C-alpha atoms as a PDB file:
ATOM      1  CA  MET A   1     -20.451 -38.481  -9.296  1.00  0.00           C
ATOM      2  CA  ASP A   2     -24.384 -39.840  -9.075  1.00  0.00           C
ATOM      3  CA  ARG A   3     -25.987 -36.497  -8.844  1.00  0.00           C
ATOM      4  CA  HIS A   4     -25.520 -32.857  -8.688  1.00  0.00           C
ATOM      5  CA  THR A   5     -28.418 -30.451  -7.664  1.00  0.00           C
ATOM      6  CA  LEU A   6     -29.052 -27.394  -8.548  1.00  0.00           C
ATOM      7  CA  SER A   7     -30.731 -24.333  -6.050  1.00  0.00           C
ATOM      8  CA  ASN A   8     -31.522 -20.605  -6.374  1.00  0.00           C
ATOM      9  CA  GLY A   9     -33.360 -20.730  -2.688  1.00  0.00           C
ATOM     10  CA  ARG A  10     -36.750 -20.465  -4.265  1.00  0.00           C
ATOM     11  CA  LEU A  11     -36.290 -23.808  -6.632  1.00  0.00           C
ATOM     12  CA  GLY A  12     -34.669 -26.597  -6.395  1.00  0.00           C
ATOM     13  CA  ALA A  13     -33.670 -29.600  -8.912  1.00  0.00           C
ATOM     14  CA  ALA A  14     -31.717 -32.788  -8.995  1.00  0.00           C
ATOM     15  CA  ILE A  15     -30.095 -34.712 -12.124  1.00  0.00           C
ATOM     16  CA  LYS A  16     -28.760 -38.167 -11.503  1.00  0.00           C
ATOM     17  CA  ALA A  17     -26.169 -39.518 -13.951  1.00  0.00           C
ATOM     18  CA  ASP A  18     -28.053 -42.417 -14.260  1.00  0.00           C
ATOM     19  CA  GLY A  19     -30.000 -41.342 -17.650  1.00  0.00           C
ATOM     20  CA  ALA A  20     -29.400 -37.919 -16.967  1.00  0.00           C
ATOM     21  CA  GLU A  21     -33.107 -38.395 -15.329  1.00  0.00           C
ATOM     22  CA  LEU A  22     -34.197 -35.463 -13.710  1.00  0.00           C
ATOM     23  CA  CYS A  23     -35.315 -37.043 -10.050  1.00  0.00           C
ATOM     24  CA  SER A  24     -36.842 -33.833  -8.132  1.00  0.00           C
ATOM     25  CA  LEU A  25     -38.001 -30.193  -8.210  1.00  0.00           C
ATOM     26  CA  THR A  26     -38.766 -28.664  -5.307  1.00  0.00           C
ATOM     27  CA  LEU A  27     -40.666 -24.814  -4.732  1.00  0.00           C
ATOM     28  CA  ASP A  28     -39.909 -23.852  -1.304  1.00  0.00           C
ATOM     29  CA  GLY A  29     -38.625 -27.022  -0.221  1.00  0.00           C
ATOM     30  CA  ARG A  30     -41.663 -28.740  -1.442  1.00  0.00           C
ATOM     31  CA  GLU A  31     -41.371 -31.719  -3.934  1.00  0.00           C
ATOM     32  CA  LEU A  32     -43.697 -31.221  -7.511  1.00  0.00           C
ATOM     33  CA  LEU A  33     -41.638 -33.878  -9.128  1.00  0.00           C
ATOM     34  CA  TRP A  34     -42.869 -37.978  -8.567  1.00  0.00           C
ATOM     35  CA  GLN A  35     -40.337 -39.722  -6.553  1.00  0.00           C
ATOM     36  CA  ALA A  36     -40.028 -42.902  -8.402  1.00  0.00           C
ATOM     37  CA  GLY A  37     -42.778 -45.071  -6.035  1.00  0.00           C
ATOM     38  CA  PRO A  38     -42.957 -49.173  -6.132  1.00  0.00           C
ATOM     39  CA  GLU A  39     -46.274 -48.011  -9.415  1.00  0.00           C
ATOM     40  CA  TRP A  40     -43.877 -46.677 -11.650  1.00  0.00           C
ATOM     41  CA  PRO A  41     -40.250 -46.905 -10.696  1.00  0.00           C
ATOM     42  CA  ARG A  42     -38.775 -43.494 -12.530  1.00  0.00           C
ATOM     43  CA  HIS A  43     -39.222 -39.501 -12.271  1.00  0.00           C
ATOM     44  CA  ALA A  44     -37.906 -37.841 -15.852  1.00  0.00           C
ATOM     45  CA  PRO A  45     -36.482 -40.412 -18.286  1.00  0.00           C
ATOM     46  CA  VAL A  46     -35.108 -39.269 -21.271  1.00  0.00           C
ATOM     47  CA  LEU A  47     -37.022 -41.483 -23.892  1.00  0.00           C
ATOM     48  CA  PHE A  48     -34.144 -41.467 -27.337  1.00  0.00           C
ATOM     49  CA  PRO A  49     -33.195 -42.479 -29.699  1.00  0.00           C
ATOM     50  CA  ILE A  50     -37.031 -43.755 -30.174  1.00  0.00           C
ATOM     51  CA  VAL A  51     -40.578 -42.622 -28.605  1.00  0.00           C
ATOM     52  CA  GLY A  52     -42.690 -45.538 -27.654  1.00  0.00           C
ATOM     53  CA  ARG A  53     -42.186 -48.911 -29.540  1.00  0.00           C
ATOM     54  CA  LEU A  54     -41.256 -50.243 -32.397  1.00  0.00           C
ATOM     55  CA  LYS A  55     -43.074 -53.415 -34.080  1.00  0.00           C
ATOM     56  CA  ASP A  56     -41.596 -56.663 -33.103  1.00  0.00           C
ATOM     57  CA  ASP A  57     -39.178 -54.470 -30.812  1.00  0.00           C
ATOM     58  CA  THR A  58     -37.404 -54.704 -34.072  1.00  0.00           C
ATOM     59  CA  LEU A  59     -35.141 -52.051 -35.877  1.00  0.00           C
ATOM     60  CA  ARG A  60     -34.539 -52.558 -40.042  1.00  0.00           C
ATOM     61  CA  HIS A  61     -31.612 -50.907 -40.964  1.00  0.00           C
ATOM     62  CA  GLY A  62     -29.374 -52.039 -44.058  1.00  0.00           C
ATOM     63  CA  GLY A  63     -30.182 -55.573 -44.362  1.00  0.00           C
ATOM     64  CA  ARG A  64     -29.598 -56.466 -40.709  1.00  0.00           C
ATOM     65  CA  THR A  65     -32.765 -56.265 -37.351  1.00  0.00           C
ATOM     66  CA  TYR A  66     -31.399 -55.051 -34.642  1.00  0.00           C
ATOM     67  CA  ARG A  67     -33.542 -55.555 -31.113  1.00  0.00           C
ATOM     68  CA  MET A  68     -34.940 -51.799 -29.840  1.00  0.00           C
ATOM     69  CA  THR A  69     -36.848 -52.378 -26.727  1.00  0.00           C
ATOM     70  CA  GLN A  70     -39.469 -49.267 -25.528  1.00  0.00           C
ATOM     71  CA  HIS A  71     -38.656 -45.767 -25.714  1.00  0.00           C
ATOM     72  CA  GLY A  72     -34.574 -46.445 -26.667  1.00  0.00           C
ATOM     73  CA  PHE A  73     -31.203 -47.060 -24.168  1.00  0.00           C
ATOM     74  CA  ALA A  74     -30.410 -43.803 -22.912  1.00  0.00           C
ATOM     75  CA  ARG A  75     -32.585 -43.917 -19.707  1.00  0.00           C
ATOM     76  CA  ASP A  76     -30.675 -46.968 -18.707  1.00  0.00           C
ATOM     77  CA  ARG A  77     -27.311 -45.007 -19.673  1.00  0.00           C
ATOM     78  CA  ARG A  78     -25.538 -43.087 -16.828  1.00  0.00           C
ATOM     79  CA  PHE A  79     -23.907 -40.007 -18.701  1.00  0.00           C
ATOM     80  CA  ALA A  80     -20.543 -37.993 -18.017  1.00  0.00           C
ATOM     81  CA  TRP A  81     -20.708 -34.666 -16.408  1.00  0.00           C
ATOM     82  CA  GLU A  82     -19.216 -32.229 -18.998  1.00  0.00           C
ATOM     83  CA  GLU A  83     -20.380 -29.069 -16.669  1.00  0.00           C
ATOM     84  CA  TYR A  84     -21.817 -28.791 -13.710  1.00  0.00           C
ATOM     85  CA  THR A  85     -22.162 -25.005 -11.104  1.00  0.00           C
ATOM     86  CA  PRO A  86     -25.166 -24.200  -8.656  1.00  0.00           C
ATOM     87  CA  THR A  87     -28.135 -23.417 -11.163  1.00  0.00           C
ATOM     88  CA  LEU A  88     -26.287 -25.419 -14.197  1.00  0.00           C
ATOM     89  CA  CYS A  89     -25.356 -28.759 -15.110  1.00  0.00           C
ATOM     90  CA  ARG A  90     -24.376 -30.572 -18.605  1.00  0.00           C
ATOM     91  CA  LEU A  91     -24.348 -33.922 -19.424  1.00  0.00           C
ATOM     92  CA  SER A  92     -23.648 -36.145 -22.494  1.00  0.00           C
ATOM     93  CA  LEU A  93     -23.967 -40.012 -23.890  1.00  0.00           C
ATOM     94  CA  SER A  94     -22.121 -40.884 -27.318  1.00  0.00           C
ATOM     95  CA  ASP A  95     -22.008 -43.985 -29.364  1.00  0.00           C
ATOM     96  CA  ASP A  96     -20.012 -46.926 -28.577  1.00  0.00           C
ATOM     97  CA  ALA A  97     -19.842 -50.541 -28.773  1.00  0.00           C
ATOM     98  CA  GLN A  98     -22.785 -50.967 -26.794  1.00  0.00           C
ATOM     99  CA  THR A  99     -25.319 -49.089 -27.958  1.00  0.00           C
ATOM    100  CA  ARG A 100     -24.062 -49.923 -31.958  1.00  0.00           C
ATOM    101  CA  ALA A 101     -25.347 -53.318 -31.169  1.00  0.00           C
ATOM    102  CA  ILE A 102     -29.281 -52.307 -31.016  1.00  0.00           C
ATOM    103  CA  TYR A 103     -28.770 -48.859 -33.082  1.00  0.00           C
ATOM    104  CA  PRO A 104     -26.619 -48.938 -35.854  1.00  0.00           C
ATOM    105  CA  PHE A 105     -25.537 -45.045 -35.677  1.00  0.00           C
ATOM    106  CA  ALA A 106     -23.334 -42.504 -34.539  1.00  0.00           C
ATOM    107  CA  PHE A 107     -24.728 -39.700 -32.177  1.00  0.00           C
ATOM    108  CA  ARG A 108     -23.424 -37.225 -29.441  1.00  0.00           C
ATOM    109  CA  LEU A 109     -26.662 -36.606 -27.188  1.00  0.00           C
ATOM    110  CA  GLU A 110     -26.102 -33.889 -24.276  1.00  0.00           C
ATOM    111  CA  LEU A 111     -28.470 -32.473 -22.041  1.00  0.00           C
ATOM    112  CA  ILE A 112     -28.112 -28.998 -20.125  1.00  0.00           C
ATOM    113  CA  PHE A 113     -30.269 -27.971 -16.899  1.00  0.00           C
ATOM    114  CA  ASP A 114     -30.678 -24.684 -16.589  1.00  0.00           C
ATOM    115  CA  LEU A 115     -31.994 -22.899 -13.258  1.00  0.00           C
ATOM    116  CA  ASP A 116     -33.200 -19.751 -13.087  1.00  0.00           C
ATOM    117  CA  ALA A 117     -35.817 -17.485 -10.682  1.00  0.00           C
ATOM    118  CA  ASP A 118     -38.902 -19.037 -12.366  1.00  0.00           C
ATOM    119  CA  GLY A 119     -38.348 -22.128 -13.203  1.00  0.00           C
ATOM    120  CA  LEU A 120     -35.876 -24.837 -14.870  1.00  0.00           C
ATOM    121  CA  THR A 121     -35.167 -25.011 -18.872  1.00  0.00           C
ATOM    122  CA  ILE A 122     -33.983 -28.258 -20.322  1.00  0.00           C
ATOM    123  CA  ARG A 123     -32.175 -28.154 -23.768  1.00  0.00           C
ATOM    124  CA  HIS A 124     -31.133 -31.372 -25.875  1.00  0.00           C
ATOM    125  CA  ARG A 125     -28.570 -31.083 -28.289  1.00  0.00           C
ATOM    126  CA  ILE A 126     -28.144 -34.159 -30.723  1.00  0.00           C
ATOM    127  CA  THR A 127     -25.233 -34.353 -32.369  1.00  0.00           C
ATOM    128  CA  ASN A 128     -24.525 -36.545 -35.290  1.00  0.00           C
ATOM    129  CA  PRO A 129     -20.399 -37.118 -35.651  1.00  0.00           C
ATOM    130  CA  GLY A 130     -21.352 -39.781 -38.677  1.00  0.00           C
ATOM    131  CA  ASP A 131     -20.723 -40.204 -42.412  1.00  0.00           C
ATOM    132  CA  GLU A 132     -24.743 -41.223 -42.722  1.00  0.00           C
ATOM    133  CA  ALA A 133     -27.938 -39.393 -42.083  1.00  0.00           C
ATOM    134  CA  LEU A 134     -28.819 -39.708 -38.031  1.00  0.00           C
ATOM    135  CA  PRO A 135     -32.454 -41.440 -37.957  1.00  0.00           C
ATOM    136  CA  ALA A 136     -33.491 -40.335 -34.286  1.00  0.00           C
ATOM    137  CA  SER A 137     -36.586 -39.784 -31.402  1.00  0.00           C
ATOM    138  CA  LEU A 138     -36.206 -37.717 -28.498  1.00  0.00           C
ATOM    139  CA  GLY A 139     -39.088 -37.255 -25.970  1.00  0.00           C
ATOM    140  CA  VAL A 140     -39.409 -36.284 -22.550  1.00  0.00           C
ATOM    141  CA  HIS A 141     -41.426 -37.908 -19.657  1.00  0.00           C
ATOM    142  CA  PRO A 142     -41.406 -35.451 -15.917  1.00  0.00           C
ATOM    143  CA  ALA A 143     -43.793 -37.021 -13.507  1.00  0.00           C
ATOM    144  CA  PHE A 144     -45.249 -34.685 -11.526  1.00  0.00           C
ATOM    145  CA  LEU A 145     -47.243 -35.195  -7.987  1.00  0.00           C
ATOM    146  CA  TRP A 146     -51.537 -36.330  -8.486  1.00  0.00           C
ATOM    147  CA  PRO A 147     -52.053 -34.233  -7.303  1.00  0.00           C
ATOM    148  CA  LEU A 148     -49.767 -31.724  -6.300  1.00  0.00           C
ATOM    149  CA  ARG A 149     -50.363 -31.298  -2.197  1.00  0.00           C
ATOM    150  CA  GLU A 150     -51.758 -33.796   0.013  1.00  0.00           C
ATOM    151  CA  GLY A 151     -55.068 -32.837   0.970  1.00  0.00           C
ATOM    152  CA  VAL A 152     -56.185 -31.705  -2.199  1.00  0.00           C
ATOM    153  CA  PRO A 153     -58.626 -33.833  -4.384  1.00  0.00           C
ATOM    154  CA  LYS A 154     -57.519 -35.476  -7.791  1.00  0.00           C
ATOM    155  CA  GLU A 155     -60.367 -34.734  -9.847  1.00  0.00           C
ATOM    156  CA  THR A 156     -59.670 -31.140  -9.183  1.00  0.00           C
ATOM    157  CA  HIS A 157     -56.845 -31.022 -10.867  1.00  0.00           C
ATOM    158  CA  GLU A 158     -56.722 -29.695 -14.937  1.00  0.00           C
ATOM    159  CA  LEU A 159     -54.427 -29.206 -17.578  1.00  0.00           C
ATOM    160  CA  LEU A 160     -54.870 -25.692 -19.479  1.00  0.00           C
ATOM    161  CA  PHE A 161     -53.369 -25.573 -22.869  1.00  0.00           C
ATOM    162  CA  GLU A 162     -52.192 -22.495 -24.675  1.00  0.00           C
ATOM    163  CA  ALA A 163     -54.970 -22.588 -27.817  1.00  0.00           C
ATOM    164  CA  ASP A 164     -57.516 -24.784 -28.838  1.00  0.00           C
ATOM    165  CA  GLU A 165     -57.327 -28.128 -28.983  1.00  0.00           C
ATOM    166  CA  PRO A 166     -59.992 -29.436 -31.667  1.00  0.00           C
ATOM    167  CA  ALA A 167     -58.320 -32.142 -33.315  1.00  0.00           C
ATOM    168  CA  PRO A 168     -58.488 -35.612 -32.783  1.00  0.00           C
ATOM    169  CA  ILE A 169     -56.420 -37.629 -30.146  1.00  0.00           C
ATOM    170  CA  ARG A 170     -54.203 -40.573 -30.956  1.00  0.00           C
ATOM    171  CA  ARG A 171     -54.129 -43.869 -29.240  1.00  0.00           C
ATOM    172  CA  VAL A 172     -51.983 -46.513 -28.784  1.00  0.00           C
ATOM    173  CA  GLU A 173     -52.969 -50.253 -29.077  1.00  0.00           C
ATOM    174  CA  GLY A 174     -50.615 -53.085 -28.107  1.00  0.00           C
ATOM    175  CA  GLY A 175     -47.848 -50.671 -27.994  1.00  0.00           C
ATOM    176  CA  LEU A 176     -48.231 -49.285 -31.278  1.00  0.00           C
ATOM    177  CA  LEU A 177     -50.182 -46.531 -32.393  1.00  0.00           C
ATOM    178  CA  ALA A 178     -53.443 -47.051 -33.428  1.00  0.00           C
ATOM    179  CA  PRO A 179     -54.508 -46.367 -36.895  1.00  0.00           C
ATOM    180  CA  GLN A 180     -57.778 -44.588 -36.122  1.00  0.00           C
ATOM    181  CA  PRO A 181     -57.707 -41.130 -34.617  1.00  0.00           C
ATOM    182  CA  GLU A 182     -60.290 -40.074 -31.586  1.00  0.00           C
ATOM    183  CA  PRO A 183     -62.646 -37.023 -30.800  1.00  0.00           C
ATOM    184  CA  THR A 184     -60.690 -35.047 -28.234  1.00  0.00           C
ATOM    185  CA  PRO A 185     -61.492 -34.977 -24.614  1.00  0.00           C
ATOM    186  CA  ILE A 186     -60.272 -31.362 -23.724  1.00  0.00           C
ATOM    187  CA  GLU A 187     -63.104 -28.678 -24.378  1.00  0.00           C
ATOM    188  CA  ASP A 188     -62.635 -25.028 -24.091  1.00  0.00           C
ATOM    189  CA  ARG A 189     -58.765 -25.800 -23.842  1.00  0.00           C
ATOM    190  CA  ARG A 190     -59.635 -27.418 -20.752  1.00  0.00           C
ATOM    191  CA  LEU A 191     -58.529 -30.903 -19.846  1.00  0.00           C
ATOM    192  CA  PRO A 192     -60.124 -31.909 -16.551  1.00  0.00           C
ATOM    193  CA  LEU A 193     -58.052 -34.705 -15.464  1.00  0.00           C
ATOM    194  CA  ASP A 194     -59.192 -38.147 -14.548  1.00  0.00           C
ATOM    195  CA  GLU A 195     -58.240 -41.695 -13.686  1.00  0.00           C
ATOM    196  CA  ALA A 196     -60.484 -43.139 -16.572  1.00  0.00           C
ATOM    197  CA  LEU A 197     -59.159 -40.911 -19.564  1.00  0.00           C
ATOM    198  CA  PHE A 198     -55.530 -43.532 -18.865  1.00  0.00           C
ATOM    199  CA  THR A 199     -57.618 -46.732 -19.282  1.00  0.00           C
ATOM    200  CA  ARG A 200     -56.215 -47.032 -22.682  1.00  0.00           C
ATOM    201  CA  ASP A 201     -52.789 -45.510 -22.084  1.00  0.00           C
ATOM    202  CA  ALA A 202     -51.598 -42.283 -22.698  1.00  0.00           C
ATOM    203  CA  VAL A 203     -53.238 -39.533 -24.425  1.00  0.00           C
ATOM    204  CA  ILE A 204     -51.201 -38.502 -27.743  1.00  0.00           C
ATOM    205  CA  LEU A 205     -51.730 -35.282 -29.305  1.00  0.00           C
ATOM    206  CA  ASP A 206     -49.815 -35.536 -32.726  1.00  0.00           C
ATOM    207  CA  ARG A 207     -50.313 -32.246 -34.007  1.00  0.00           C
ATOM    208  CA  PRO A 208     -50.925 -29.936 -30.703  1.00  0.00           C
ATOM    209  CA  ALA A 209     -51.666 -26.172 -31.719  1.00  0.00           C
ATOM    210  CA  SER A 210     -50.107 -25.324 -28.265  1.00  0.00           C
ATOM    211  CA  ARG A 211     -46.404 -24.873 -27.166  1.00  0.00           C
ATOM    212  CA  SER A 212     -47.507 -24.842 -23.558  1.00  0.00           C
ATOM    213  CA  VAL A 213     -49.740 -26.352 -21.104  1.00  0.00           C
ATOM    214  CA  ARG A 214     -50.695 -25.387 -17.540  1.00  0.00           C
ATOM    215  CA  TYR A 215     -51.191 -28.152 -14.935  1.00  0.00           C
ATOM    216  CA  GLY A 216     -52.693 -27.449 -11.646  1.00  0.00           C
ATOM    217  CA  ALA A 217     -55.625 -27.651  -9.182  1.00  0.00           C
ATOM    218  CA  PRO A 218     -57.149 -24.692  -6.295  1.00  0.00           C
ATOM    219  CA  GLY A 219     -54.633 -24.618  -3.670  1.00  0.00           C
ATOM    220  CA  THR A 220     -51.925 -25.779  -4.861  1.00  0.00           C
ATOM    221  CA  PRO A 221     -49.014 -24.219  -7.309  1.00  0.00           C
ATOM    222  CA  ALA A 222     -49.350 -24.230 -11.268  1.00  0.00           C
ATOM    223  CA  VAL A 223     -46.863 -25.864 -13.323  1.00  0.00           C
ATOM    224  CA  THR A 224     -46.424 -24.815 -16.785  1.00  0.00           C
ATOM    225  CA  VAL A 225     -44.967 -27.266 -19.049  1.00  0.00           C
ATOM    226  CA  SER A 226     -43.670 -25.199 -22.473  1.00  0.00           C
ATOM    227  CA  TRP A 227     -41.641 -26.571 -25.465  1.00  0.00           C
ATOM    228  CA  ASP A 228     -39.781 -25.743 -28.386  1.00  0.00           C
ATOM    229  CA  GLY A 229     -38.420 -28.043 -31.502  1.00  0.00           C
ATOM    230  CA  PHE A 230     -41.224 -30.907 -29.802  1.00  0.00           C
ATOM    231  CA  ARG A 231     -43.683 -31.735 -32.268  1.00  0.00           C
ATOM    232  CA  GLU A 232     -45.863 -34.346 -30.563  1.00  0.00           C
ATOM    233  CA  LEU A 233     -47.885 -34.455 -26.978  1.00  0.00           C
ATOM    234  CA  GLY A 234     -48.232 -37.417 -24.558  1.00  0.00           C
ATOM    235  CA  ILE A 235     -49.975 -36.950 -21.422  1.00  0.00           C
ATOM    236  CA  TRP A 236     -49.882 -40.238 -18.742  1.00  0.00           C
ATOM    237  CA  SER A 237     -50.371 -42.117 -16.234  1.00  0.00           C
ATOM    238  CA  LYS A 238     -51.649 -45.356 -14.260  1.00  0.00           C
ATOM    239  CA  PRO A 239     -55.897 -45.873 -14.284  1.00  0.00           C
ATOM    240  CA  THR A 240     -55.135 -47.558 -10.450  1.00  0.00           C
ATOM    241  CA  GLY A 241     -55.123 -44.338  -8.906  1.00  0.00           C
ATOM    242  CA  ALA A 242     -51.269 -44.039  -9.019  1.00  0.00           C
ATOM    243  CA  PRO A 243     -50.345 -40.346  -7.959  1.00  0.00           C
ATOM    244  CA  PHE A 244     -48.492 -39.138 -10.662  1.00  0.00           C
ATOM    245  CA  LEU A 245     -49.284 -37.145 -14.294  1.00  0.00           C
ATOM    246  CA  CYS A 246     -46.153 -37.044 -16.951  1.00  0.00           C
ATOM    247  CA  ILE A 247     -46.716 -34.628 -19.461  1.00  0.00           C
ATOM    248  CA  GLU A 248     -44.205 -35.285 -22.266  1.00  0.00           C
ATOM    249  CA  PRO A 249     -43.097 -33.344 -25.338  1.00  0.00           C
ATOM    250  CA  TRP A 250     -42.002 -35.626 -27.917  1.00  0.00           C
ATOM    251  CA  ARG A 251     -40.825 -35.658 -31.143  1.00  0.00           C
ATOM    252  CA  GLY A 252     -41.578 -38.890 -32.612  1.00  0.00           C
ATOM    253  CA  HIS A 253     -44.400 -41.230 -31.867  1.00  0.00           C
ATOM    254  CA  ALA A 254     -44.771 -45.297 -31.155  1.00  0.00           C
ATOM    255  CA  SER A 255     -44.600 -47.044 -34.663  1.00  0.00           C
ATOM    256  CA  PRO A 256     -48.126 -47.182 -36.591  1.00  0.00           C
ATOM    257  CA  ALA A 257     -49.864 -50.436 -36.032  1.00  0.00           C
ATOM    258  CA  GLU A 258     -49.207 -50.699 -40.347  1.00  0.00           C
ATOM    259  CA  PHE A 259     -45.864 -49.448 -40.261  1.00  0.00           C
ATOM    260  CA  ASP A 260     -42.813 -52.440 -40.756  1.00  0.00           C
ATOM    261  CA  GLY A 261     -40.397 -50.878 -43.023  1.00  0.00           C
ATOM    262  CA  GLU A 262     -36.516 -49.812 -42.817  1.00  0.00           C
ATOM    263  CA  PHE A 263     -36.114 -47.705 -39.653  1.00  0.00           C
ATOM    264  CA  ALA A 264     -34.850 -44.695 -41.720  1.00  0.00           C
ATOM    265  CA  ALA A 265     -38.742 -44.520 -43.146  1.00  0.00           C
ATOM    266  CA  LYS A 266     -40.582 -44.916 -39.834  1.00  0.00           C
ATOM    267  CA  PRO A 267     -43.137 -42.004 -39.481  1.00  0.00           C
ATOM    268  CA  GLY A 268     -42.084 -39.153 -37.159  1.00  0.00           C
ATOM    269  CA  LEU A 269     -37.936 -39.758 -37.130  1.00  0.00           C
ATOM    270  CA  LEU A 270     -35.414 -36.607 -36.925  1.00  0.00           C
ATOM    271  CA  HIS A 271     -32.973 -36.605 -39.845  1.00  0.00           C
ATOM    272  CA  ILE A 272     -30.001 -35.257 -38.655  1.00  0.00           C
ATOM    273  CA  ALA A 273     -27.168 -34.451 -41.636  1.00  0.00           C
ATOM    274  CA  PRO A 274     -24.055 -35.490 -41.151  1.00  0.00           C
ATOM    275  CA  GLY A 275     -21.830 -32.736 -38.952  1.00  0.00           C
ATOM    276  CA  ALA A 276     -25.163 -31.071 -38.089  1.00  0.00           C
ATOM    277  CA  THR A 277     -26.856 -30.523 -34.320  1.00  0.00           C
ATOM    278  CA  ARG A 278     -30.186 -30.368 -33.231  1.00  0.00           C
ATOM    279  CA  GLU A 279     -31.375 -28.782 -30.664  1.00  0.00           C
ATOM    280  CA  LEU A 280     -35.217 -29.498 -28.541  1.00  0.00           C
ATOM    281  CA  SER A 281     -36.224 -28.014 -25.400  1.00  0.00           C
ATOM    282  CA  TYR A 282     -38.417 -27.822 -22.955  1.00  0.00           C
ATOM    283  CA  ARG A 283     -39.209 -25.578 -19.551  1.00  0.00           C
ATOM    284  CA  ILE A 284     -40.945 -26.188 -16.450  1.00  0.00           C
ATOM    285  CA  ALA A 285     -41.948 -22.729 -15.317  1.00  0.00           C
ATOM    286  CA  VAL A 286     -43.814 -22.535 -11.353  1.00  0.00           C
ATOM    287  CA  GLY A 287     -45.718 -19.965 -10.000  1.00  0.00           C
END
């Protein structure tokens, strides 16, 4: 089965086996999620076992080097269906010879999509079946339509954060985390959205005070993204007029520009003990 559709009459969602990727989210039949057009060929990829890029795309472990490209491999692997009902589905991915050739660790990654009356909750379970600690990052990358409704100006859209966000933001340079933070563009919990925000790639909150953010504009539904277990937040679009906005809870980030050490020492990673499981989740509520 290539995809499974969830529905409760008001909300609908579709999930692909390829990448365990959310590829549709509808409210009363109207699409809210970016439909993988030519500007960017994805919908909501899963970022595992890294978020962002490693220096020289190189993972160092145990005296060996492995080539790992941006955001890891999960988004390009086919997951197995473990369970599916009209409002829930569960998929899994485990290590194999192909993953161990670039990421020398045992793992099991499960995604559970659960649709209820008001939104969609996505839970991610990372289990370490191996006999050494599992270092990993996990990120989510849902792309929402921008504008959310045809005919609504893009510049009327904004993000409203749950809490004040006075801390500086981070940027990436050459795919790596830039060393110097920058003043935040968020004022009074609000971030007016403008394509110029993304001329230097993503806006990164590496320690957000908020655990939710609301996206919308007058004349559109409100989309609220909340998260649990994730620590950073990326906000991204292309500065060339691309009609989508990504709201991305992360646990981890690109390698700092100055870091070139063992992968397990990379800042921002989870470290999961043998036999242990960590769960991270996010929710998209539509109102």
